[in-house]
Amino acid sequence: MMEIPIVVPNDDAIMQGLMFDTKFHNVDALVETIQSEVLKFNELNAFSSVIQNNIEASPTLQKYALNLWKATRHPLEYSVKVSNVDMNRLILAGASPRGMSMMLRAARVNAWLNERTAVTPEDIHAVFHETVAHRLVFSPVYEMRRTEIAREMLTSIINQVAAP
């Protein structure tokens, strides 16, 4: 699962179309308009397995990803700071094992899309926020600012944890 922000268009015509053009109301019908010869739906899992099994993550990169994970759990140990936030009170739970494995799955896909056979720190950076932000558990006092705090915290983690 990923948290992907959807930007609302500013163009009135596009906004009106999204509201009133019925072709946008039926997702199944909209999907049927996509060229079917590219990759069949029932082949996606097998294709995903090929990517996951063939894109490498070096031991050095694995250590880096582990440090990123630990920084989500104990940000102060990595000198992670967020503006106007008491870092001693912020985190109730960092990313989970499943969350970090999903992050690495997404990083492998990013590497594949960029025609590489191994994950780089840049692949992790490209998907880190989208795959980890919603998995953090903040103290209730900070939940109202979740989006802002999570983005700043995860950016700080990437900046503070030494990349290989």
Protein backbone atom coordinates (compact mmCIF):
# COMPACT_ATOMS: atom_id res chain seq x y z
CA MET A 1 0.00 0.00 0.00
CA MET A 2 1.19 3.49 -0.85
CA GLU A 3 -0.01 6.93 0.06
CA ILE A 4 -0.22 8.80 -3.22
CA PRO A 5 -1.54 12.35 -3.14
CA ILE A 6 -3.96 13.19 -5.91
CA VAL A 7 -3.61 16.73 -7.13
CA VAL A 8 -6.93 18.42 -7.80
CA PRO A 9 -6.78 20.28 -11.10
CA ASN A 10 -7.26 24.06 -11.14
CA ASP A 11 -8.82 24.17 -14.59
CA ASP A 12 -12.61 24.65 -14.32
CA ALA A 13 -13.30 22.64 -17.48
CA ILE A 14 -11.35 19.63 -16.20
CA MET A 15 -12.98 19.89 -12.77
CA GLN A 16 -16.42 20.08 -14.35
CA GLY A 17 -15.63 17.08 -16.55
CA LEU A 18 -14.55 15.00 -13.56
CA MET A 19 -17.81 15.82 -11.81
CA PHE A 20 -20.31 15.55 -14.64
CA ASP A 21 -18.80 13.41 -17.44
CA THR A 22 -20.13 9.94 -16.64
CA LYS A 23 -17.14 8.22 -18.29
CA PHE A 24 -15.17 9.08 -15.11
CA HIS A 25 -17.83 7.58 -12.82
CA ASN A 26 -17.41 3.95 -13.86
CA VAL A 27 -13.82 2.85 -13.23
CA ASP A 28 -14.36 -0.61 -14.74
CA ALA A 29 -15.60 0.88 -18.02
CA LEU A 30 -12.73 3.38 -18.02
CA VAL A 31 -10.18 0.58 -17.51
CA GLU A 32 -11.70 -1.31 -20.46
CA THR A 33 -10.67 1.57 -22.75
CA ILE A 34 -6.99 0.87 -22.06
CA GLN A 35 -5.13 -1.13 -24.68
CA SER A 36 -5.51 -4.76 -23.57
CA GLU A 37 -2.46 -6.20 -25.32
CA VAL A 38 0.08 -4.54 -23.02
CA LEU A 39 -0.16 -6.83 -19.98
CA LYS A 40 -3.16 -8.89 -18.99
CA PHE A 41 -4.51 -8.32 -15.50
CA ASN A 42 -4.13 -11.99 -14.53
CA GLU A 43 -0.41 -11.83 -15.44
CA LEU A 44 0.45 -8.96 -13.06
CA ASN A 45 1.38 -11.14 -10.08
CA ALA A 46 3.74 -13.29 -12.13
CA PHE A 47 5.28 -10.19 -13.67
CA SER A 48 5.71 -8.66 -10.22
CA SER A 49 7.52 -11.79 -9.04
CA VAL A 50 9.95 -11.57 -11.96
CA ILE A 51 10.83 -7.99 -10.99
CA GLN A 52 11.15 -8.76 -7.26
CA ASN A 53 13.32 -11.84 -7.87
CA ASN A 54 15.64 -10.25 -10.41
CA ILE A 55 16.37 -6.78 -9.00
CA GLU A 56 19.20 -7.08 -6.47
CA ALA A 57 19.71 -5.28 -3.17
CA SER A 58 23.37 -5.35 -2.15
CA PRO A 59 24.38 -5.98 1.48
CA THR A 60 25.42 -2.31 1.71
CA LEU A 61 22.03 -1.17 0.47
CA GLN A 62 20.31 -3.58 2.87
CA LYS A 63 22.21 -1.99 5.78
CA TYR A 64 21.17 1.46 4.55
CA ALA A 65 17.50 0.41 4.38
CA LEU A 66 17.77 -1.08 7.87
CA ASN A 67 19.12 2.23 9.20
CA LEU A 68 16.25 4.10 7.54
CA TRP A 69 13.82 1.76 9.26
CA LYS A 70 15.49 2.21 12.64
CA ALA A 71 15.37 5.99 12.15
CA THR A 72 11.56 5.81 11.75
CA ARG A 73 11.41 4.11 15.15
CA HIS A 74 14.06 6.17 16.99
CA PRO A 75 14.52 9.43 15.08
CA LEU A 76 16.54 11.15 17.82
CA GLU A 77 19.25 8.48 17.56
CA TYR A 78 19.80 9.70 13.99
CA SER A 79 19.56 13.43 14.82
CA VAL A 80 16.27 13.72 12.97
CA LYS A 81 14.42 16.94 13.71
CA VAL A 82 11.04 18.34 12.74
CA SER A 83 10.14 22.01 13.16
CA ASN A 84 8.04 22.81 16.24
CA VAL A 85 7.82 19.15 17.28
CA ASP A 86 8.99 17.55 20.50
CA MET A 87 10.79 14.55 19.00
CA ASN A 88 10.71 12.78 22.38
CA ARG A 89 6.91 12.66 22.14
CA LEU A 90 6.29 12.32 18.40
CA ILE A 91 6.69 8.63 17.56
CA LEU A 92 4.51 5.95 19.13
CA ALA A 93 5.50 3.39 16.48
CA GLY A 94 7.82 3.57 13.50
CA ALA A 95 7.44 1.64 10.28
CA SER A 96 6.64 -2.06 10.55
CA PRO A 97 8.50 -4.97 8.93
CA ARG A 98 5.71 -5.27 6.37
CA GLY A 99 5.87 -1.55 5.66
CA MET A 100 9.59 -1.64 5.03
CA SER A 101 9.30 -4.72 2.84
CA MET A 102 6.66 -2.90 0.78
CA MET A 103 9.04 0.06 0.52
CA LEU A 104 11.74 -2.23 -0.82
CA ARG A 105 9.31 -3.83 -3.27
CA ALA A 106 8.46 -0.37 -4.61
CA ALA A 107 12.16 0.55 -4.77
CA ARG A 108 12.83 -2.57 -6.87
CA VAL A 109 10.08 -1.53 -9.28
CA ASN A 110 11.60 1.95 -9.49
CA ALA A 111 15.00 0.39 -10.31
CA TRP A 112 13.38 -1.78 -12.99
CA LEU A 113 11.56 1.22 -14.49
CA ASN A 114 14.93 2.97 -14.72
CA GLU A 115 16.46 -0.09 -16.44
CA ARG A 116 18.74 -1.09 -13.55
CA THR A 117 19.33 -4.57 -12.15
CA ALA A 118 20.04 -3.36 -8.61
CA VAL A 119 18.34 -1.01 -6.16
CA THR A 120 20.14 2.27 -5.44
CA PRO A 121 19.57 4.74 -2.59
CA GLU A 122 17.83 6.96 -5.16
CA ASP A 123 15.25 4.21 -5.77
CA ILE A 124 14.50 4.10 -2.05
CA HIS A 125 14.30 7.90 -1.87
CA ALA A 126 11.85 7.93 -4.80
CA VAL A 127 9.32 5.78 -2.90
CA PHE A 128 10.21 6.35 0.77
CA HIS A 129 7.56 8.93 1.65
CA GLU A 130 4.75 7.28 -0.32
CA THR A 131 5.35 3.86 1.22
CA VAL A 132 6.27 4.80 4.80
CA ALA A 133 4.49 8.03 5.81
CA HIS A 134 1.08 6.49 6.46
CA ARG A 135 2.65 3.63 8.44
CA LEU A 136 4.04 5.85 11.21
CA VAL A 137 2.03 6.21 14.41
CA PHE A 138 2.29 9.67 15.93
CA SER A 139 1.30 10.87 19.35
CA PRO A 140 -2.32 12.14 19.12
CA VAL A 141 -1.21 15.72 19.73
CA TYR A 142 0.58 15.65 16.34
CA GLU A 143 -2.00 13.77 14.25
CA MET A 144 -3.68 16.95 12.98
CA ARG A 145 -0.39 17.88 11.28
CA ARG A 146 0.40 14.33 10.11
CA THR A 147 1.02 15.07 6.43
CA GLU A 148 3.33 18.01 7.09
CA ILE A 149 5.20 16.31 9.94
CA ALA A 150 5.62 12.98 8.15
CA ARG A 151 7.04 14.65 5.03
CA GLU A 152 9.50 16.73 7.03
CA MET A 153 10.50 13.80 9.24
CA LEU A 154 11.07 11.39 6.36
CA THR A 155 13.03 14.03 4.43
CA SER A 156 15.14 14.58 7.51
CA ILE A 157 15.71 10.83 7.83
CA ILE A 158 16.94 10.63 4.24
CA ASN A 159 19.22 13.60 4.90
CA GLN A 160 20.56 12.29 8.21
CA VAL A 161 21.10 8.60 7.46
CA ALA A 162 24.29 8.19 5.46
CA ALA A 163 23.62 6.68 2.04
CA PRO A 164 26.14 4.29 0.50
